[in-house]
C-alpha atoms as a PDB file:
ATOM      1  CA  MET A   1     -55.901 -75.862  38.690  1.00  0.00           C
ATOM      2  CA  LYS A   2     -53.647 -73.282  38.319  1.00  0.00           C
ATOM      3  CA  LYS A   3     -54.354 -70.101  35.988  1.00  0.00           C
ATOM      4  CA  ARG A   4     -51.868 -69.848  32.970  1.00  0.00           C
ATOM      5  CA  PRO A   5     -50.551 -66.179  32.851  1.00  0.00           C
ATOM      6  CA  SER A   6     -51.889 -64.110  30.132  1.00  0.00           C
ATOM      7  CA  ALA A   7     -49.778 -62.993  27.257  1.00  0.00           C
ATOM      8  CA  SER A   8     -49.777 -59.244  28.993  1.00  0.00           C
ATOM      9  CA  ALA A   9     -48.458 -60.416  32.069  1.00  0.00           C
ATOM     10  CA  ILE A  10     -45.412 -62.687  30.383  1.00  0.00           C
ATOM     11  CA  PHE A  11     -44.734 -59.394  28.126  1.00  0.00           C
ATOM     12  CA  PHE A  12     -44.914 -57.200  31.488  1.00  0.00           C
ATOM     13  CA  GLN A  13     -42.542 -60.108  32.925  1.00  0.00           C
ATOM     14  CA  LEU A  14     -39.857 -60.440  29.946  1.00  0.00           C
ATOM     15  CA  VAL A  15     -39.760 -56.639  29.682  1.00  0.00           C
ATOM     16  CA  PHE A  16     -38.630 -56.248  33.883  1.00  0.00           C
ATOM     17  CA  TYR A  17     -36.233 -58.805  33.367  1.00  0.00           C
ATOM     18  CA  GLY A  18     -34.906 -57.792  30.204  1.00  0.00           C
ATOM     19  CA  THR A  19     -34.816 -54.272  31.928  1.00  0.00           C
ATOM     20  CA  VAL A  20     -33.026 -55.691  35.444  1.00  0.00           C
ATOM     21  CA  ALA A  21     -30.810 -57.548  32.910  1.00  0.00           C
ATOM     22  CA  TRP A  22     -29.624 -54.268  30.927  1.00  0.00           C
ATOM     23  CA  CYS A  23     -29.093 -52.283  34.213  1.00  0.00           C
ATOM     24  CA  LEU A  24     -27.138 -54.871  35.751  1.00  0.00           C
ATOM     25  CA  GLY A  25     -24.917 -55.209  32.346  1.00  0.00           C
ATOM     26  CA  LEU A  26     -24.805 -51.262  32.129  1.00  0.00           C
ATOM     27  CA  ALA A  27     -23.253 -51.357  35.923  1.00  0.00           C
ATOM     28  CA  LEU A  28     -20.767 -54.132  35.328  1.00  0.00           C
ATOM     29  CA  PHE A  29     -19.753 -52.111  31.983  1.00  0.00           C
ATOM     30  CA  PHE A  30     -19.231 -49.178  34.021  1.00  0.00           C
ATOM     31  CA  ILE A  31     -17.305 -50.939  36.084  1.00  0.00           C
ATOM     32  CA  ARG A  32     -15.078 -52.761  33.856  1.00  0.00           C
ATOM     33  CA  LEU A  33     -13.864 -49.370  31.930  1.00  0.00           C
ATOM     34  CA  PRO A  34     -10.481 -49.350  31.896  1.00  0.00           C
ATOM     35  CA  ALA A  35      -8.617 -46.920  33.550  1.00  0.00           C
ATOM     36  CA  SER A  36      -5.912 -44.666  31.582  1.00  0.00           C
ATOM     37  CA  ILE A  37      -2.829 -46.643  31.130  1.00  0.00           C
ATOM     38  CA  ASP A  38       1.314 -45.708  31.030  1.00  0.00           C
ATOM     39  CA  SER A  39       2.162 -45.545  27.269  1.00  0.00           C
ATOM     40  CA  SER A  40       5.446 -46.648  27.870  1.00  0.00           C
ATOM     41  CA  PRO A  41       5.064 -50.461  26.505  1.00  0.00           C
ATOM     42  CA  TYR A  42       3.394 -48.969  23.603  1.00  0.00           C
ATOM     43  CA  LYS A  43       5.465 -50.204  20.568  1.00  0.00           C
ATOM     44  CA  ALA A  44       3.673 -50.094  17.216  1.00  0.00           C
ATOM     45  CA  ASP A  45       4.105 -49.050  13.479  1.00  0.00           C
ATOM     46  CA  ALA A  46       1.120 -46.673  13.501  1.00  0.00           C
ATOM     47  CA  ILE A  47      -1.734 -44.921  15.923  1.00  0.00           C
ATOM     48  CA  VAL A  48      -5.374 -44.460  15.419  1.00  0.00           C
ATOM     49  CA  VAL A  49      -7.496 -41.741  17.108  1.00  0.00           C
ATOM     50  CA  LEU A  50     -11.004 -41.573  16.810  1.00  0.00           C
ATOM     51  CA  THR A  51     -12.259 -38.083  16.964  1.00  0.00           C
ATOM     52  CA  GLY A  52     -15.058 -36.897  19.443  1.00  0.00           C
ATOM     53  CA  SER A  53     -14.443 -36.255  23.219  1.00  0.00           C
ATOM     54  CA  SER A  54     -11.885 -34.223  24.326  1.00  0.00           C
ATOM     55  CA  GLY A  55      -8.042 -35.527  24.907  1.00  0.00           C
ATOM     56  CA  ARG A  56      -7.968 -38.218  22.537  1.00  0.00           C
ATOM     57  CA  LEU A  57      -5.808 -36.260  19.503  1.00  0.00           C
ATOM     58  CA  GLU A  58      -3.476 -34.978  22.689  1.00  0.00           C
ATOM     59  CA  VAL A  59      -2.849 -38.232  23.808  1.00  0.00           C
ATOM     60  CA  GLY A  60      -2.119 -39.876  19.952  1.00  0.00           C
ATOM     61  CA  LEU A  61      -0.136 -36.867  19.400  1.00  0.00           C
ATOM     62  CA  SER A  62       1.832 -37.394  22.930  1.00  0.00           C
ATOM     63  CA  LEU A  63       2.367 -41.482  21.839  1.00  0.00           C
ATOM     64  CA  LEU A  64       3.951 -40.150  18.108  1.00  0.00           C
ATOM     65  CA  LYS A  65       6.068 -38.678  19.627  1.00  0.00           C
ATOM     66  CA  SER A  66       7.275 -40.384  22.029  1.00  0.00           C
ATOM     67  CA  GLY A  67       8.136 -42.959  19.138  1.00  0.00           C
ATOM     68  CA  ALA A  68       5.515 -45.676  20.448  1.00  0.00           C
ATOM     69  CA  ALA A  69       4.834 -45.600  15.989  1.00  0.00           C
ATOM     70  CA  LYS A  70       5.866 -43.555  13.284  1.00  0.00           C
ATOM     71  CA  ARG A  71       2.732 -42.629  11.817  1.00  0.00           C
ATOM     72  CA  LEU A  72      -1.023 -41.128  12.889  1.00  0.00           C
ATOM     73  CA  LEU A  73      -4.364 -41.451  11.693  1.00  0.00           C
ATOM     74  CA  VAL A  74      -6.877 -39.011  13.080  1.00  0.00           C
ATOM     75  CA  SER A  75     -10.634 -40.388  11.948  1.00  0.00           C
ATOM     76  CA  GLY A  76     -13.706 -38.768  11.333  1.00  0.00           C
ATOM     77  CA  VAL A  77     -12.071 -35.493  11.349  1.00  0.00           C
ATOM     78  CA  HIS A  78     -14.829 -33.027  10.067  1.00  0.00           C
ATOM     79  CA  PRO A  79     -14.349 -31.809   6.019  1.00  0.00           C
ATOM     80  CA  ASP A  80     -13.712 -27.858   7.306  1.00  0.00           C
ATOM     81  CA  VAL A  81     -10.785 -28.843   9.808  1.00  0.00           C
ATOM     82  CA  VAL A  82      -7.047 -28.926   8.306  1.00  0.00           C
ATOM     83  CA  LYS A  83      -4.061 -29.679   9.924  1.00  0.00           C
ATOM     84  CA  ASN A  84      -2.782 -26.509  10.398  1.00  0.00           C
ATOM     85  CA  GLU A  85      -5.714 -25.803  12.724  1.00  0.00           C
ATOM     86  CA  LEU A  86      -4.986 -29.052  14.558  1.00  0.00           C
ATOM     87  CA  SER A  87      -1.665 -28.265  14.856  1.00  0.00           C
ATOM     88  CA  GLN A  88      -2.960 -24.813  16.731  1.00  0.00           C
ATOM     89  CA  LEU A  89      -5.364 -26.299  18.543  1.00  0.00           C
ATOM     90  CA  THR A  90      -3.134 -29.053  19.907  1.00  0.00           C
ATOM     91  CA  GLY A  91      -0.273 -26.963  20.053  1.00  0.00           C
ATOM     92  CA  ALA A  92       2.115 -29.970  18.032  1.00  0.00           C
ATOM     93  CA  ALA A  93       4.705 -28.665  15.939  1.00  0.00           C
ATOM     94  CA  PRO A  94       3.153 -28.224  12.298  1.00  0.00           C
ATOM     95  CA  SER A  95       6.259 -30.117  11.338  1.00  0.00           C
ATOM     96  CA  LEU A  96       4.956 -33.386  12.860  1.00  0.00           C
ATOM     97  CA  PHE A  97       1.558 -32.798  11.261  1.00  0.00           C
ATOM     98  CA  LYS A  98       3.223 -32.797   7.670  1.00  0.00           C
ATOM     99  CA  CYS A  99       5.595 -35.485   8.371  1.00  0.00           C
ATOM    100  CA  CYS A 100       3.631 -38.049  10.411  1.00  0.00           C
ATOM    101  CA  VAL A 101       0.152 -37.203  10.669  1.00  0.00           C
ATOM    102  CA  ASP A 102      -2.793 -38.414   8.415  1.00  0.00           C
ATOM    103  CA  LEU A 103      -6.679 -37.321   8.431  1.00  0.00           C
ATOM    104  CA  ASP A 104      -9.625 -38.941   7.417  1.00  0.00           C
ATOM    105  CA  TYR A 105     -12.298 -37.014   6.263  1.00  0.00           C
ATOM    106  CA  ALA A 106     -14.818 -39.741   5.262  1.00  0.00           C
ATOM    107  CA  ALA A 107     -15.504 -42.117   8.563  1.00  0.00           C
ATOM    108  CA  ARG A 108     -18.656 -40.306  10.445  1.00  0.00           C
ATOM    109  CA  ASN A 109     -19.311 -43.150  12.939  1.00  0.00           C
ATOM    110  CA  THR A 110     -17.248 -45.858  14.612  1.00  0.00           C
ATOM    111  CA  PHE A 111     -17.924 -48.306  11.726  1.00  0.00           C
ATOM    112  CA  GLU A 112     -16.581 -46.384   9.442  1.00  0.00           C
ATOM    113  CA  ASN A 113     -13.805 -45.735  11.864  1.00  0.00           C
ATOM    114  CA  ALA A 114     -12.893 -49.164  11.571  1.00  0.00           C
ATOM    115  CA  THR A 115     -13.685 -49.680   7.197  1.00  0.00           C
ATOM    116  CA  GLU A 116     -11.484 -46.153   7.093  1.00  0.00           C
ATOM    117  CA  THR A 117      -8.530 -47.328   9.351  1.00  0.00           C
ATOM    118  CA  ALA A 118      -8.257 -51.124   7.360  1.00  0.00           C
ATOM    119  CA  ASN A 119      -7.855 -48.995   3.894  1.00  0.00           C
ATOM    120  CA  TRP A 120      -5.505 -47.000   5.632  1.00  0.00           C
ATOM    121  CA  VAL A 121      -3.554 -49.522   7.175  1.00  0.00           C
ATOM    122  CA  LYS A 122      -3.271 -51.461   4.041  1.00  0.00           C
ATOM    123  CA  THR A 123      -2.144 -48.412   2.092  1.00  0.00           C
ATOM    124  CA  HIS A 124       0.995 -47.784   4.696  1.00  0.00           C
ATOM    125  CA  ASN A 125       1.728 -51.677   5.524  1.00  0.00           C
ATOM    126  CA  VAL A 126       0.687 -51.552   8.976  1.00  0.00           C
ATOM    127  CA  ASP A 127       0.745 -54.621  11.117  1.00  0.00           C
ATOM    128  CA  THR A 128       0.616 -53.464  14.492  1.00  0.00           C
ATOM    129  CA  LEU A 129      -1.696 -50.700  15.591  1.00  0.00           C
ATOM    130  CA  ILE A 130      -2.638 -48.427  18.428  1.00  0.00           C
ATOM    131  CA  LEU A 131      -6.093 -47.321  18.916  1.00  0.00           C
ATOM    132  CA  VAL A 132      -6.873 -44.427  20.809  1.00  0.00           C
ATOM    133  CA  THR A 133     -10.094 -43.631  22.104  1.00  0.00           C
ATOM    134  CA  ALA A 134     -12.058 -42.749  24.964  1.00  0.00           C
ATOM    135  CA  ASP A 135     -11.928 -45.516  27.654  1.00  0.00           C
ATOM    136  CA  TYR A 136     -16.201 -45.911  27.508  1.00  0.00           C
ATOM    137  CA  HIS A 137     -15.876 -46.432  23.731  1.00  0.00           C
ATOM    138  CA  ILE A 138     -12.684 -49.078  23.740  1.00  0.00           C
ATOM    139  CA  GLN A 139     -14.609 -51.803  24.317  1.00  0.00           C
ATOM    140  CA  ARG A 140     -17.186 -51.444  20.801  1.00  0.00           C
ATOM    141  CA  SER A 141     -14.288 -49.844  18.928  1.00  0.00           C
ATOM    142  CA  SER A 142     -12.127 -53.048  19.371  1.00  0.00           C
ATOM    143  CA  VAL A 143     -14.563 -55.341  18.382  1.00  0.00           C
ATOM    144  CA  LEU A 144     -15.112 -53.093  15.664  1.00  0.00           C
ATOM    145  CA  PHE A 145     -11.682 -52.793  14.507  1.00  0.00           C
ATOM    146  CA  ASN A 146     -10.503 -56.279  15.087  1.00  0.00           C
ATOM    147  CA  ARG A 147     -13.379 -57.277  12.923  1.00  0.00           C
ATOM    148  CA  ALA A 148     -12.397 -55.089  10.172  1.00  0.00           C
ATOM    149  CA  MET A 149      -8.877 -55.679  10.449  1.00  0.00           C
ATOM    150  CA  PRO A 150      -8.656 -59.248  11.926  1.00  0.00           C
ATOM    151  CA  ASN A 151      -4.857 -60.379  10.651  1.00  0.00           C
ATOM    152  CA  ILE A 152      -3.557 -56.835  12.125  1.00  0.00           C
ATOM    153  CA  ASN A 153      -2.575 -56.235  16.092  1.00  0.00           C
ATOM    154  CA  ILE A 154      -4.644 -53.905  17.719  1.00  0.00           C
ATOM    155  CA  MET A 155      -3.706 -52.281  21.213  1.00  0.00           C
ATOM    156  CA  PRO A 156      -6.240 -50.296  22.672  1.00  0.00           C
ATOM    157  CA  TYR A 157      -5.431 -47.639  24.390  1.00  0.00           C
ATOM    158  CA  PRO A 158      -8.105 -45.496  26.351  1.00  0.00           C
ATOM    159  CA  VAL A 159      -8.294 -41.928  27.499  1.00  0.00           C
ATOM    160  CA  SER A 160     -10.368 -41.473  30.669  1.00  0.00           C
ATOM    161  CA  GLY A 161     -12.053 -38.251  30.960  1.00  0.00           C
ATOM    162  CA  PRO A 162     -16.408 -37.411  32.124  1.00  0.00           C
ATOM    163  CA  VAL A 163     -19.058 -38.578  30.527  1.00  0.00           C
ATOM    164  CA  GLY A 164     -22.724 -38.672  31.598  1.00  0.00           C
ATOM    165  CA  PHE A 165     -24.825 -41.479  31.920  1.00  0.00           C
ATOM    166  CA  GLY A 166     -26.648 -40.455  28.700  1.00  0.00           C
ATOM    167  CA  THR A 167     -23.808 -41.493  26.913  1.00  0.00           C
ATOM    168  CA  LEU A 168     -22.461 -44.106  28.950  1.00  0.00           C
ATOM    169  CA  ALA A 169     -26.178 -45.547  28.815  1.00  0.00           C
ATOM    170  CA  ARG A 170     -26.191 -44.967  24.687  1.00  0.00           C
ATOM    171  CA  GLU A 171     -22.356 -46.710  24.174  1.00  0.00           C
ATOM    172  CA  TYR A 172     -23.343 -49.626  26.210  1.00  0.00           C
ATOM    173  CA  SER A 173     -26.445 -49.934  24.280  1.00  0.00           C
ATOM    174  CA  LYS A 174     -24.418 -49.931  21.313  1.00  0.00           C
ATOM    175  CA  TYR A 175     -21.824 -52.364  22.491  1.00  0.00           C
ATOM    176  CA  LEU A 176     -24.629 -55.152  23.188  1.00  0.00           C
ATOM    177  CA  VAL A 177     -25.845 -54.768  19.576  1.00  0.00           C
ATOM    178  CA  ILE A 178     -22.123 -55.286  18.616  1.00  0.00           C
ATOM    179  CA  LEU A 179     -21.842 -58.557  20.823  1.00  0.00           C
ATOM    180  CA  LEU A 180     -24.885 -60.013  19.389  1.00  0.00           C
ATOM    181  CA  GLN A 181     -24.046 -59.046  16.015  1.00  0.00           C
ATOM    182  CA  GLU A 182     -20.427 -61.198  16.575  1.00  0.00           C
ATOM    183  CA  ALA A 183     -22.382 -64.440  18.500  1.00  0.00           C
ATOM    184  CA  PHE A 184     -24.647 -64.101  14.995  1.00  0.00           C
ATOM    185  CA  ALA A 185     -21.697 -64.013  12.940  1.00  0.00           C
ATOM    186  CA  ARG A 186     -20.199 -67.090  14.110  1.00  0.00           C
ATOM    187  CA  HIS A 187     -22.902 -69.232  14.537  1.00  0.00           C
ATOM    188  CA  GLN A 188     -23.552 -68.961  10.741  1.00  0.00           C
END
Protein backbone atom coordinates (compact mmCIF):
# COMPACT_ATOMS: atom_id res chain seq x y z
CA MET A 1 0.00 0.00 0.00
CA LYS A 2 1.29 3.42 -1.03
CA LYS A 3 1.93 5.96 1.65
CA ARG A 4 0.04 9.23 1.20
CA PRO A 5 2.22 12.32 0.77
CA SER A 6 2.39 14.53 3.81
CA ALA A 7 0.78 17.97 3.88
CA SER A 8 4.21 19.60 3.78
CA ALA A 9 5.21 17.54 0.72
CA ILE A 10 2.02 18.60 -1.06
CA PHE A 11 2.65 22.22 -0.06
CA PHE A 12 6.22 22.13 -1.46
CA GLN A 13 4.99 20.53 -4.69
CA LEU A 14 2.39 23.26 -5.08
CA VAL A 15 5.02 25.94 -4.43
CA PHE A 16 7.38 24.29 -6.93
CA TYR A 17 4.77 23.95 -9.70
CA GLY A 18 3.43 27.44 -8.97
CA THR A 19 6.94 28.87 -9.27
CA VAL A 20 7.55 27.02 -12.54
CA ALA A 21 4.21 28.27 -13.92
CA TRP A 22 5.01 31.85 -12.82
CA CYS A 23 8.45 31.70 -14.48
CA LEU A 24 7.02 30.34 -17.72
CA GLY A 25 4.34 33.02 -17.65
CA LEU A 26 6.97 35.71 -17.07
CA ALA A 27 8.94 34.43 -20.06
CA LEU A 28 5.80 34.58 -22.20
CA PHE A 29 4.99 38.06 -20.86
CA PHE A 30 8.51 39.20 -21.83
CA ILE A 31 8.28 37.64 -25.30
CA ARG A 32 4.91 39.33 -25.86
CA LEU A 33 6.16 42.82 -25.03
CA PRO A 34 4.97 44.97 -27.92
CA ALA A 35 7.54 46.59 -30.16
CA SER A 36 7.61 50.30 -30.92
CA ILE A 37 5.05 51.18 -33.54
CA ASP A 38 4.56 53.63 -36.36
CA SER A 39 2.30 56.49 -35.31
CA SER A 40 0.85 57.16 -38.76
CA PRO A 41 -2.27 54.98 -38.44
CA TYR A 42 -3.18 56.51 -35.08
CA LYS A 43 -6.05 59.00 -35.06
CA ALA A 44 -8.15 59.67 -31.95
CA ASP A 45 -10.02 62.36 -30.08
CA ALA A 46 -7.38 62.50 -27.35
CA ILE A 47 -4.16 61.06 -25.97
CA VAL A 48 -3.34 60.09 -22.40
CA VAL A 49 0.27 59.69 -21.26
CA LEU A 50 0.95 57.82 -18.03
CA THR A 51 3.91 59.25 -16.17
CA GLY A 52 6.78 56.98 -15.28
CA SER A 53 9.71 55.88 -17.37
CA SER A 54 11.40 58.27 -19.77
CA GLY A 55 10.23 58.86 -23.32
CA ARG A 56 6.50 58.58 -22.69
CA LEU A 57 5.73 62.29 -22.60
CA GLU A 58 7.89 62.97 -25.65
CA VAL A 59 6.03 60.28 -27.61
CA GLY A 60 2.65 61.67 -26.52
CA LEU A 61 3.66 65.20 -27.53
CA SER A 62 4.96 63.92 -30.86
CA LEU A 63 1.59 62.25 -31.51
CA LEU A 64 -0.19 65.48 -30.56
CA LYS A 65 2.02 67.59 -32.84
CA SER A 66 1.51 65.15 -35.74
CA GLY A 67 -2.26 65.57 -35.50
CA ALA A 68 -3.05 62.13 -34.09
CA ALA A 69 -5.34 63.91 -31.60
CA LYS A 70 -6.30 67.42 -30.55
CA ARG A 71 -5.86 67.11 -26.80
CA LEU A 72 -3.46 65.36 -24.41
CA LEU A 73 -3.77 64.43 -20.74
CA VAL A 74 -0.65 63.70 -18.71
CA SER A 75 -1.85 61.49 -15.85
CA GLY A 76 0.00 61.03 -12.58
CA VAL A 77 1.97 64.29 -12.57
CA HIS A 78 3.85 65.14 -9.37
CA PRO A 79 2.08 68.01 -7.53
CA ASP A 80 5.17 70.26 -7.74
CA VAL A 81 5.42 70.09 -11.54
CA VAL A 82 3.94 72.84 -13.73
CA LYS A 83 3.35 73.04 -17.48
CA ASN A 84 6.27 75.43 -18.05
CA GLU A 85 8.68 72.90 -16.54
CA LEU A 86 7.33 70.12 -18.77
CA SER A 87 7.59 72.40 -21.79
CA GLN A 88 11.24 73.17 -21.00
CA LEU A 89 12.01 69.54 -20.19
CA THR A 90 10.59 68.24 -23.48
CA GLY A 91 11.49 71.17 -25.72
CA ALA A 92 7.85 71.53 -26.77
CA ALA A 93 6.44 74.99 -27.36
CA PRO A 94 4.72 76.53 -24.33
CA SER A 95 1.79 77.40 -26.62
CA LEU A 96 1.21 73.66 -27.22
CA PHE A 97 0.96 73.06 -23.47
CA LYS A 98 -1.28 76.10 -23.03
CA CYS A 99 -3.81 75.12 -25.69
CA CYS A 100 -3.84 71.36 -25.75
CA VAL A 101 -2.28 69.70 -22.69
CA ASP A 102 -3.97 68.99 -19.36
CA LEU A 103 -2.20 67.72 -16.26
CA ASP A 104 -3.72 65.23 -13.80
CA TYR A 105 -2.18 65.58 -10.35
CA ALA A 106 -4.56 63.21 -8.53
CA ALA A 107 -3.53 59.78 -9.88
CA ARG A 108 -0.85 57.93 -7.92
CA ASN A 109 -1.08 54.50 -9.57
CA THR A 110 -2.40 52.85 -12.72
CA PHE A 111 -5.87 52.21 -11.30
CA GLU A 112 -6.15 55.90 -10.41
CA ASN A 113 -4.75 56.85 -13.85
CA ALA A 114 -7.66 54.98 -15.41
CA THR A 115 -10.23 56.51 -13.04
CA GLU A 116 -8.98 60.08 -13.47
CA THR A 117 -8.74 59.63 -17.24
CA ALA A 118 -12.32 58.33 -17.34
CA ASN A 119 -13.48 61.53 -15.62
CA TRP A 120 -11.42 63.65 -18.03
CA VAL A 121 -12.79 61.70 -21.04
CA LYS A 122 -16.37 62.48 -19.95
CA THR A 123 -15.57 66.17 -19.52
CA HIS A 124 -14.01 66.41 -22.98
CA ASN A 125 -16.51 64.17 -24.85
CA VAL A 126 -13.82 61.72 -25.96
CA ASP A 127 -14.82 58.57 -27.86
CA THR A 128 -11.36 57.41 -28.96
CA LEU A 129 -8.22 57.54 -26.85
CA ILE A 130 -4.56 56.75 -27.48
CA LEU A 131 -2.98 55.26 -24.34
CA VAL A 132 0.77 55.98 -24.15
CA THR A 133 2.82 54.10 -21.60
CA ALA A 134 5.87 51.81 -21.37
CA ASP A 135 5.82 48.57 -23.34
CA TYR A 136 6.04 46.48 -20.16
CA HIS A 137 3.13 48.44 -18.64
CA ILE A 138 0.77 48.48 -21.64
CA GLN A 139 -0.95 45.13 -21.05
CA ARG A 140 -2.07 45.86 -17.48
CA SER A 141 -2.88 49.49 -18.29
CA SER A 142 -5.06 48.42 -21.21
CA VAL A 143 -7.09 46.08 -19.01
CA LEU A 144 -7.61 48.77 -16.35
CA PHE A 145 -8.47 51.47 -18.88
CA ASN A 146 -10.93 49.24 -20.71
CA ARG A 147 -12.54 48.40 -17.36
CA ALA A 148 -12.85 52.10 -16.43
CA MET A 149 -14.05 53.15 -19.89
CA PRO A 150 -15.84 50.21 -21.55
CA ASN A 151 -17.51 52.42 -24.17
CA ILE A 152 -14.32 54.20 -25.26
CA ASN A 153 -12.13 52.91 -28.07
CA ILE A 154 -8.69 52.72 -26.41
CA MET A 155 -5.67 52.31 -28.66
CA PRO A 156 -2.53 51.19 -26.80
CA TYR A 157 0.69 52.91 -27.84
CA PRO A 158 3.71 51.21 -26.21
CA VAL A 159 6.96 53.07 -25.66
CA SER A 160 10.01 50.80 -25.65
CA GLY A 161 12.94 51.35 -23.35
CA PRO A 162 15.32 49.53 -21.08
CA VAL A 163 13.69 47.64 -18.24
CA GLY A 164 15.26 45.65 -15.43
CA PHE A 165 14.26 42.14 -14.41
CA GLY A 166 12.82 43.33 -11.08
CA THR A 167 10.56 45.88 -12.78
CA LEU A 168 9.43 43.32 -15.33
CA ALA A 169 8.73 40.69 -12.65
CA ARG A 170 6.73 43.17 -10.54
CA GLU A 171 4.71 44.31 -13.53
CA TYR A 172 3.98 40.72 -14.56
CA SER A 173 2.81 39.90 -11.04
CA LYS A 174 0.53 42.96 -11.00
CA TYR A 175 -0.80 41.96 -14.42
CA LEU A 176 -1.63 38.47 -13.10
CA VAL A 177 -3.57 40.00 -10.20
CA ILE A 178 -5.58 42.16 -12.64
CA LEU A 179 -6.31 39.14 -14.84
CA LEU A 180 -7.52 37.18 -11.81
CA GLN A 181 -9.73 40.09 -10.75
CA GLU A 182 -11.21 40.23 -14.26
CA ALA A 183 -11.85 36.48 -14.28
CA PHE A 184 -13.62 36.60 -10.91
CA ALA A 185 -15.64 39.67 -11.93
CA ARG A 186 -16.92 37.87 -15.06
CA HIS A 187 -18.06 34.86 -13.03
CA GLN A 188 -20.06 36.82 -10.46
